[in-house]
Amino acid sequence: MKERILMILPAYNEEDNILKAYNKICEYNNAHKTNYDVIVINDCSTDNTLKICLENKIPVIPLIHNLGIGGAVQTGYKYALENDYDVALQYDGDGQHDVKYVENIIRPILNGEADLVIGSRFIDDSSSEFKSSFARQLGIKVISFFIKFVSGKKIYDVTSGFRAAGRLVIEDFAKSYPIDYPEPITNAELLKKKYEIKEVPVSMNEREGGISSINSWKTVYFMINVVLSILVVGIRRFKHVK
C-alpha cells in the first residue's frame, strides 16, 4: 500500500502567499505523479487567508482562537494522527520552503532510517544561499551547542520548520508540543527519548510576502528562552521509545 503523506501548512495572515504555496504543491503533484495531501491550519488570521482557502477549495482547519505557531502545528499533527498518515511534514506557507525537497526529506523515514528528518541549510556551505541574518545564525549555533550538550548529538539547523515526522513522532507531537518556537525544544526532547533524527540539505528562500512572526528585536530574547528550555529538557527524565 502506498504511504500517505501530509503537508501541514500553518498560516497566520498569509493572504499574499498561501494560494501560491498551495498551487506549487498541486503543480508538483501533477508533474511528478506524487500525492502529497495538504492541510492548512488557519491560526485565526485577521486578513483574507481563510477566505482565499475557502474560495479556492484549499483544505483548511480554521482555528477559532489564535494558538501561535506551536498550537497551529500541533493541530496539524493531531489531524495527521486521526487520519492515519504515515508521514507528516511541516511546510511554511510563506514561500520559504521548496516542494521539490519534500521527497528527500521524507525518504529516510520511508526507508526506516529516521523518525524525524530536518531540512537543513547548514550541513554544508552550498546547502542554501539564503541562511538568515548573521544574528540568527549566531543564535542557531548557540542553540545547537546546548542541544548537543544535553543530548550528545549535534543538530545544525535547529530552528528549521521544514521537517518530516514518522508515525511515532506524529503520535508524540499530537500529545505534547511546545507553544512557542517549538523546533529546537522538540529536537532536544526527541534526542533525549532516543528517536533517530537525520538532517538533509535543502535550499530555502526569503519570504515572498507578509511579515515574519519572529522580529529582529526578539532574537536575543528568543535565544535565551530556548536555551533555558533546552537545559530543562536536559534534566528531565523521558521514557525511551527506541
Protein backbone atom coordinates (compact mmCIF):
# COMPACT_ATOMS: atom_id res chain seq x y z
CA MET A 1 0.00 0.00 0.00
CA LYS A 2 1.31 3.43 -0.90
CA GLU A 3 2.37 5.56 2.06
CA ARG A 4 0.18 8.52 2.94
CA ILE A 5 1.98 11.86 3.16
CA LEU A 6 0.51 15.00 4.70
CA MET A 7 1.93 18.51 4.34
CA ILE A 8 0.97 20.77 7.26
CA LEU A 9 0.88 24.48 6.39
CA PRO A 10 0.40 26.70 9.48
CA ALA A 11 -0.84 30.10 8.34
CA TYR A 12 -1.32 33.41 10.10
CA ASN A 13 -2.05 36.38 7.84
CA GLU A 14 -0.63 34.72 4.72
CA GLU A 15 -3.06 36.17 2.17
CA ASP A 16 -0.13 37.13 -0.08
CA ASN A 17 1.37 33.64 -0.09
CA ILE A 18 -1.00 30.81 0.75
CA LEU A 19 -2.56 30.31 -2.69
CA LYS A 20 0.84 30.40 -4.40
CA ALA A 21 2.22 27.86 -1.93
CA TYR A 22 -0.75 25.54 -2.43
CA ASN A 23 -0.66 25.84 -6.23
CA LYS A 24 3.05 24.99 -6.30
CA ILE A 25 2.35 21.79 -4.36
CA CYS A 26 -0.50 20.87 -6.73
CA GLU A 27 1.67 21.58 -9.77
CA TYR A 28 4.44 19.40 -8.34
CA ASN A 29 1.99 16.57 -7.64
CA ASN A 30 0.74 16.72 -11.22
CA ALA A 31 4.20 16.88 -12.77
CA HIS A 32 5.81 14.15 -10.63
CA LYS A 33 2.83 11.83 -10.06
CA THR A 34 3.09 12.34 -6.31
CA ASN A 35 0.13 12.54 -3.99
CA TYR A 36 1.09 14.86 -1.15
CA ASP A 37 -2.02 15.83 0.78
CA VAL A 38 -2.25 19.35 2.21
CA ILE A 39 -3.92 20.77 5.29
CA VAL A 40 -3.72 24.49 6.04
CA ILE A 41 -4.11 25.44 9.70
CA ASN A 42 -5.51 28.97 9.68
CA ASP A 43 -4.42 30.39 13.04
CA CYS A 44 -7.28 32.88 13.38
CA SER A 45 -5.85 35.17 10.68
CA THR A 46 -7.15 38.74 10.60
CA ASP A 47 -6.63 39.11 6.85
CA ASN A 48 -8.14 37.15 3.92
CA THR A 49 -6.18 33.93 4.43
CA LEU A 50 -9.25 31.86 5.36
CA LYS A 51 -11.39 33.43 2.61
CA ILE A 52 -8.75 32.59 0.00
CA CYS A 53 -8.58 28.99 1.22
CA LEU A 54 -12.34 28.55 1.11
CA GLU A 55 -12.78 30.23 -2.28
CA ASN A 56 -10.04 28.08 -3.82
CA LYS A 57 -11.10 24.84 -2.11
CA ILE A 58 -7.83 24.55 -0.22
CA PRO A 59 -8.22 22.03 2.64
CA VAL A 60 -8.18 24.15 5.79
CA ILE A 61 -8.84 23.90 9.51
CA PRO A 62 -9.92 27.33 10.83
CA LEU A 63 -8.93 27.81 14.46
CA ILE A 64 -11.36 29.94 16.47
CA HIS A 65 -8.58 31.30 18.71
CA ASN A 66 -5.03 32.25 17.82
CA LEU A 67 -2.86 29.43 19.20
CA GLY A 68 0.51 30.59 17.90
CA ILE A 69 2.86 28.56 15.73
CA GLY A 70 3.12 25.65 18.18
CA GLY A 71 -0.63 25.24 18.62
CA ALA A 72 -1.24 25.53 14.88
CA VAL A 73 1.39 22.92 14.00
CA GLN A 74 0.17 20.57 16.73
CA THR A 75 -3.33 20.82 15.27
CA GLY A 76 -1.83 19.53 12.03
CA TYR A 77 -0.18 16.62 13.82
CA LYS A 78 -3.46 15.78 15.56
CA TYR A 79 -5.14 15.76 12.15
CA ALA A 80 -2.37 13.50 10.77
CA LEU A 81 -2.77 11.07 13.66
CA GLU A 82 -6.56 10.95 13.43
CA ASN A 83 -6.41 10.37 9.68
CA ASP A 84 -3.72 7.65 9.82
CA TYR A 85 -0.93 9.36 7.85
CA ASP A 86 2.45 7.65 7.60
CA VAL A 87 4.43 10.91 7.38
CA ALA A 88 3.53 14.47 8.32
CA LEU A 89 5.69 17.28 7.02
CA GLN A 90 5.74 20.88 8.25
CA TYR A 91 5.82 23.33 5.36
CA ASP A 92 5.73 27.11 5.59
CA GLY A 93 3.04 28.88 3.63
CA ASP A 94 5.19 31.97 3.08
CA GLY A 95 7.31 30.82 0.13
CA GLN A 96 10.45 29.94 2.11
CA HIS A 97 10.21 26.19 1.50
CA ASP A 98 10.50 24.45 -1.87
CA VAL A 99 8.29 21.44 -2.53
CA LYS A 100 10.98 19.79 -4.67
CA TYR A 101 12.89 18.92 -1.48
CA VAL A 102 9.99 17.07 0.12
CA GLU A 103 10.95 13.77 -1.48
CA ASN A 104 14.47 13.96 0.00
CA ILE A 105 13.11 14.84 3.44
CA ILE A 106 10.56 12.03 3.66
CA ARG A 107 12.74 9.31 2.09
CA PRO A 108 14.77 8.45 5.25
CA ILE A 109 11.51 7.96 7.15
CA LEU A 110 10.00 5.73 4.47
CA ASN A 111 13.26 3.73 4.37
CA GLY A 112 13.21 3.23 8.15
CA GLU A 113 16.38 5.27 8.66
CA ALA A 114 14.92 8.07 10.80
CA ASP A 115 11.95 9.08 12.92
CA LEU A 116 12.31 12.81 12.20
CA VAL A 117 14.07 14.42 9.25
CA ILE A 118 15.08 18.09 9.17
CA GLY A 119 15.60 20.09 6.00
CA SER A 120 18.87 21.85 6.83
CA ARG A 121 20.57 24.96 5.45
CA PHE A 122 23.78 24.41 7.39
CA ILE A 123 25.03 20.88 6.67
CA ASP A 124 27.47 22.33 4.14
CA ASP A 125 28.22 25.75 2.70
CA SER A 126 26.35 25.02 -0.53
CA SER A 127 23.09 23.81 1.07
CA SER A 128 21.29 27.13 0.74
CA GLU A 129 22.16 30.63 -0.44
CA PHE A 130 19.60 32.07 1.99
CA LYS A 131 20.78 31.31 5.54
CA SER A 132 19.03 34.11 7.53
CA SER A 133 20.71 37.06 9.23
CA PHE A 134 24.09 36.90 10.97
CA ALA A 135 22.43 37.37 14.38
CA ARG A 136 20.05 34.47 13.82
CA GLN A 137 22.85 32.26 12.51
CA LEU A 138 24.83 33.01 15.66
CA GLY A 139 21.79 32.20 17.79
CA ILE A 140 21.30 28.93 15.91
CA LYS A 141 24.91 27.93 16.62
CA VAL A 142 24.47 28.69 20.32
CA ILE A 143 21.25 26.66 20.49
CA SER A 144 22.91 23.84 18.54
CA PHE A 145 25.71 23.77 21.13
CA PHE A 146 23.27 23.41 24.02
CA ILE A 147 21.26 20.67 22.27
CA LYS A 148 24.48 18.70 21.86
CA PHE A 149 25.35 19.48 25.48
CA VAL A 150 22.14 17.88 26.81
CA SER A 151 21.73 15.10 24.24
CA GLY A 152 25.22 14.27 22.99
CA LYS A 153 24.15 14.74 19.37
CA LYS A 154 24.57 17.74 17.09
CA ILE A 155 21.80 19.27 15.00
CA TYR A 156 22.89 22.02 12.64
CA ASP A 157 19.65 23.71 11.59
CA VAL A 158 17.91 23.65 14.96
CA THR A 159 15.17 26.16 14.06
CA SER A 160 14.23 24.72 10.66
CA GLY A 161 10.48 24.36 10.31
CA PHE A 162 10.91 22.28 7.16
CA ARG A 163 10.83 18.80 8.69
CA ALA A 164 9.00 15.50 8.48
CA ALA A 165 7.82 13.11 11.19
CA GLY A 166 7.08 9.41 11.04
CA ARG A 167 4.23 7.67 12.84
CA LEU A 168 5.85 7.50 16.30
CA VAL A 169 6.76 11.19 16.26
CA ILE A 170 3.34 12.17 14.88
CA GLU A 171 1.77 10.47 17.89
CA ASP A 172 4.27 12.12 20.25
CA PHE A 173 3.68 15.61 18.81
CA ALA A 174 -0.09 15.15 18.78
CA LYS A 175 0.03 14.53 22.54
CA SER A 176 2.52 17.24 23.53
CA TYR A 177 4.03 20.16 21.60
CA PRO A 178 5.56 23.45 22.78
CA ILE A 179 3.55 26.60 22.06
CA ASP A 180 6.40 28.99 21.20
CA TYR A 181 9.31 28.33 18.81
CA PRO A 182 8.93 24.56 19.19
CA GLU A 183 11.52 23.17 16.78
CA PRO A 184 14.70 23.40 18.91
CA ILE A 185 12.89 22.25 22.05
CA THR A 186 11.28 19.23 20.39
CA ASN A 187 14.57 18.37 18.69
CA ALA A 188 16.21 18.15 22.12
CA GLU A 189 13.29 16.17 23.56
CA LEU A 190 13.28 13.64 20.73
CA LEU A 191 17.01 13.06 21.05
CA LYS A 192 16.61 12.50 24.79
CA LYS A 193 13.88 9.96 24.02
CA LYS A 194 16.29 8.16 21.66
CA TYR A 195 14.42 8.92 18.46
CA GLU A 196 16.59 8.94 15.35
CA ILE A 197 16.91 12.41 13.79
CA LYS A 198 18.52 12.98 10.41
CA GLU A 199 19.29 16.19 8.53
CA VAL A 200 19.24 16.50 4.75
CA PRO A 201 20.43 19.55 2.77
CA VAL A 202 17.82 21.92 1.36
CA SER A 203 17.78 25.39 -0.09
CA MET A 204 15.41 27.95 1.37
CA ASN A 205 14.14 31.27 0.11
CA GLU A 206 13.31 34.58 1.75
CA ARG A 207 9.65 35.22 2.43
CA GLU A 208 7.71 36.13 -0.71
CA GLY A 209 5.38 38.44 1.21
CA GLY A 210 3.84 39.18 4.57
CA ILE A 211 5.63 39.63 7.87
CA SER A 212 7.70 37.10 9.78
CA SER A 213 6.45 36.05 13.21
CA ILE A 214 9.97 36.47 14.59
CA ASN A 215 11.10 40.09 14.64
CA SER A 216 14.75 41.08 14.98
CA TRP A 217 14.23 42.62 18.41
CA LYS A 218 13.06 39.26 19.71
CA THR A 219 16.17 37.35 18.63
CA VAL A 220 18.15 37.60 21.90
CA TYR A 221 15.01 37.04 24.00
CA PHE A 222 14.15 34.02 21.86
CA MET A 223 17.64 32.53 22.17
CA ILE A 224 17.78 32.93 25.96
CA ASN A 225 14.37 31.34 26.44
CA VAL A 226 15.15 28.46 24.11
CA VAL A 227 18.49 27.75 25.80
CA LEU A 228 16.83 27.73 29.24
CA SER A 229 14.11 25.40 27.92
CA ILE A 230 16.72 23.04 26.46
CA LEU A 231 18.57 22.94 29.78
CA VAL A 232 15.29 21.97 31.44
CA VAL A 233 14.91 19.20 28.85
CA GLY A 234 18.40 18.05 29.80
CA ILE A 235 17.46 17.42 33.42
CA ARG A 236 14.05 15.85 32.74
CA ARG A 237 13.62 12.11 32.56
CA PHE A 238 11.94 10.74 29.46
CA LYS A 239 10.66 7.28 28.67
CA HIS A 240 12.87 5.82 25.96
CA VAL A 241 10.85 4.89 22.90
CA LYS A 242 13.54 3.21 20.81
